[in-house]
Amino acid sequence: MKNKMISESVDEVTIISSGVVIEGKVSSNGNIRVDGKIQGNIKAKGSITIGETGEITGEVQAELIVIGGTVNASVQAKEKLTLESKSILKGDIITRILVIEAGARFEGNSKMTESVFNQDSSTLQS
């Protein structure tokens, strides 16, 4: 599976359950919750929540991002990124607001900026 258009409405939530593995790009006009595994980039116009069992190996882009599981790649949160206490992030961060709970593990560089980045870009903006 190369590309997967998941949702058409920002109010909708797509859930990728534990035990589900997706290889390829995932994009949504709504919100996404990941409790399974994604090997590829994931982008949402709304929010992305990665549960404790969720694993992503690929770039993550959304308005709001909450990581409770594992991410191995760069993360762009237009508004806010939260790393929960059991999260593991190995990659660079660009966001406006960064919240790191006690116990979270982060390995990479972070850049906090007021400027809006291009959500259609697949690479980090300087």
Protein backbone atom coordinates (compact mmCIF):
# COMPACT_ATOMS: atom_id res chain seq x y z
CA MET A 1 0.00 0.00 0.00
CA LYS A 2 1.63 3.24 -1.15
CA ASN A 3 -0.76 6.04 -0.07
CA LYS A 4 -3.79 5.93 2.18
CA MET A 5 -6.30 8.79 2.35
CA ILE A 6 -8.05 8.10 5.62
CA SER A 7 -10.50 10.84 6.46
CA GLU A 8 -12.30 13.74 4.83
CA SER A 9 -13.48 15.68 7.92
CA VAL A 10 -11.34 17.41 10.55
CA ASP A 11 -13.79 16.26 13.27
CA GLU A 12 -13.39 12.57 12.46
CA VAL A 13 -10.91 10.32 14.27
CA THR A 14 -9.24 7.39 12.55
CA ILE A 15 -7.96 4.71 14.93
CA ILE A 16 -5.09 2.43 13.94
CA SER A 17 -5.50 -0.33 16.50
CA SER A 18 -2.87 -2.34 18.32
CA GLY A 19 -1.79 -5.25 16.12
CA VAL A 20 -2.25 -3.27 12.88
CA VAL A 21 0.88 -2.61 10.78
CA ILE A 22 0.82 -0.07 7.94
CA GLU A 23 3.68 0.36 5.48
CA GLY A 24 3.51 3.56 3.42
CA LYS A 25 2.29 7.15 3.72
CA VAL A 26 -0.76 7.93 5.83
CA SER A 27 -2.61 11.25 5.56
CA SER A 28 -5.86 12.59 6.96
CA ASN A 29 -7.92 15.76 6.87
CA GLY A 30 -9.06 14.83 10.40
CA ASN A 31 -7.49 13.34 13.52
CA ILE A 32 -5.54 10.08 13.89
CA ARG A 33 -4.89 7.84 16.89
CA VAL A 34 -2.14 5.24 16.48
CA ASP A 35 -1.95 2.23 18.79
CA GLY A 36 -0.41 -0.02 16.09
CA LYS A 37 2.69 0.40 13.92
CA ILE A 38 3.29 2.69 10.94
CA GLN A 39 6.39 2.39 8.78
CA GLY A 40 6.19 5.57 6.73
CA ASN A 41 5.28 9.22 7.05
CA ILE A 42 2.04 10.25 8.75
CA LYS A 43 0.33 13.63 8.29
CA ALA A 44 -2.95 15.03 9.66
CA LYS A 45 -4.59 18.45 9.41
CA GLY A 46 -6.00 17.91 12.91
CA SER A 47 -4.20 16.02 15.66
CA ILE A 48 -2.16 12.84 15.92
CA THR A 49 -2.13 10.84 19.14
CA ILE A 50 0.33 7.97 19.49
CA GLY A 51 -0.72 5.64 22.29
CA GLU A 52 1.65 3.71 24.55
CA THR A 53 1.65 0.72 22.15
CA GLY A 54 1.99 2.93 19.06
CA GLU A 55 5.20 2.92 17.01
CA ILE A 56 6.02 5.16 14.06
CA THR A 57 9.13 5.03 11.90
CA GLY A 58 8.66 8.03 9.64
CA GLU A 59 8.02 11.76 9.77
CA VAL A 60 5.01 12.94 11.80
CA GLN A 61 3.20 16.20 10.93
CA ALA A 62 0.02 17.65 12.46
CA GLU A 63 -1.51 20.65 14.19
CA LEU A 64 -1.29 18.97 17.62
CA ILE A 65 0.75 15.85 18.44
CA VAL A 66 0.71 13.74 21.60
CA ILE A 67 3.28 10.94 21.84
CA GLY A 68 2.79 8.20 24.41
CA GLY A 69 4.61 5.47 22.45
CA THR A 70 7.69 5.41 20.20
CA VAL A 71 8.62 7.62 17.23
CA ASN A 72 11.83 7.23 15.20
CA ALA A 73 11.94 10.27 12.89
CA SER A 74 11.33 14.01 12.80
CA VAL A 75 8.18 15.56 14.24
CA GLN A 76 6.47 18.82 13.19
CA ALA A 77 3.63 20.08 15.36
CA LYS A 78 2.23 23.35 14.09
CA GLU A 79 0.85 24.30 17.52
CA LYS A 80 1.84 21.89 20.31
CA LEU A 81 3.82 18.69 20.89
CA THR A 82 3.43 16.70 24.11
CA LEU A 83 5.80 13.88 25.08
CA GLU A 84 4.04 11.76 27.70
CA SER A 85 5.92 10.03 30.52
CA LYS A 86 6.41 6.68 28.71
CA SER A 87 7.21 8.13 25.29
CA ILE A 88 10.42 7.64 23.31
CA LEU A 89 11.28 10.08 20.52
CA LYS A 90 14.44 9.70 18.43
CA GLY A 91 14.38 12.54 15.93
CA ASP A 92 14.23 16.30 15.52
CA ILE A 93 11.31 18.48 16.63
CA ILE A 94 9.83 21.68 15.25
CA THR A 95 6.88 23.10 17.20
CA ARG A 96 5.48 26.25 18.75
CA ILE A 97 4.82 24.74 22.21
CA LEU A 98 6.74 21.77 23.63
CA VAL A 99 5.65 19.82 26.73
CA ILE A 100 7.88 17.03 28.05
CA GLU A 101 6.56 15.02 30.98
CA ALA A 102 8.91 13.48 33.57
CA GLY A 103 10.11 10.09 32.34
CA ALA A 104 9.82 10.88 28.61
CA ARG A 105 12.93 10.13 26.52
CA PHE A 106 13.99 12.44 23.71
CA GLU A 107 17.10 12.16 21.54
CA GLY A 108 17.50 14.82 18.87
CA ASN A 109 17.28 18.56 18.31
CA SER A 110 14.34 20.84 19.01
CA LYS A 111 13.34 24.15 17.48
CA MET A 112 10.51 26.22 18.90
CA THR A 113 9.18 28.81 16.50
CA GLU A 114 6.24 31.16 16.11
CA SER A 115 6.39 30.92 12.31
CA VAL A 116 3.97 28.69 10.47
CA PHE A 117 5.57 25.91 8.46
CA ASN A 118 4.19 24.37 5.30
CA GLN A 119 2.05 21.31 6.25
CA ASP A 120 2.41 19.95 2.70
CA SER A 121 6.19 19.68 3.02
CA SER A 122 7.61 16.25 3.70
CA THR A 123 10.80 17.67 5.20
CA LEU A 124 11.54 19.95 8.14
CA GLN A 125 11.55 23.66 7.37
CA SER A 126 14.36 25.86 8.72
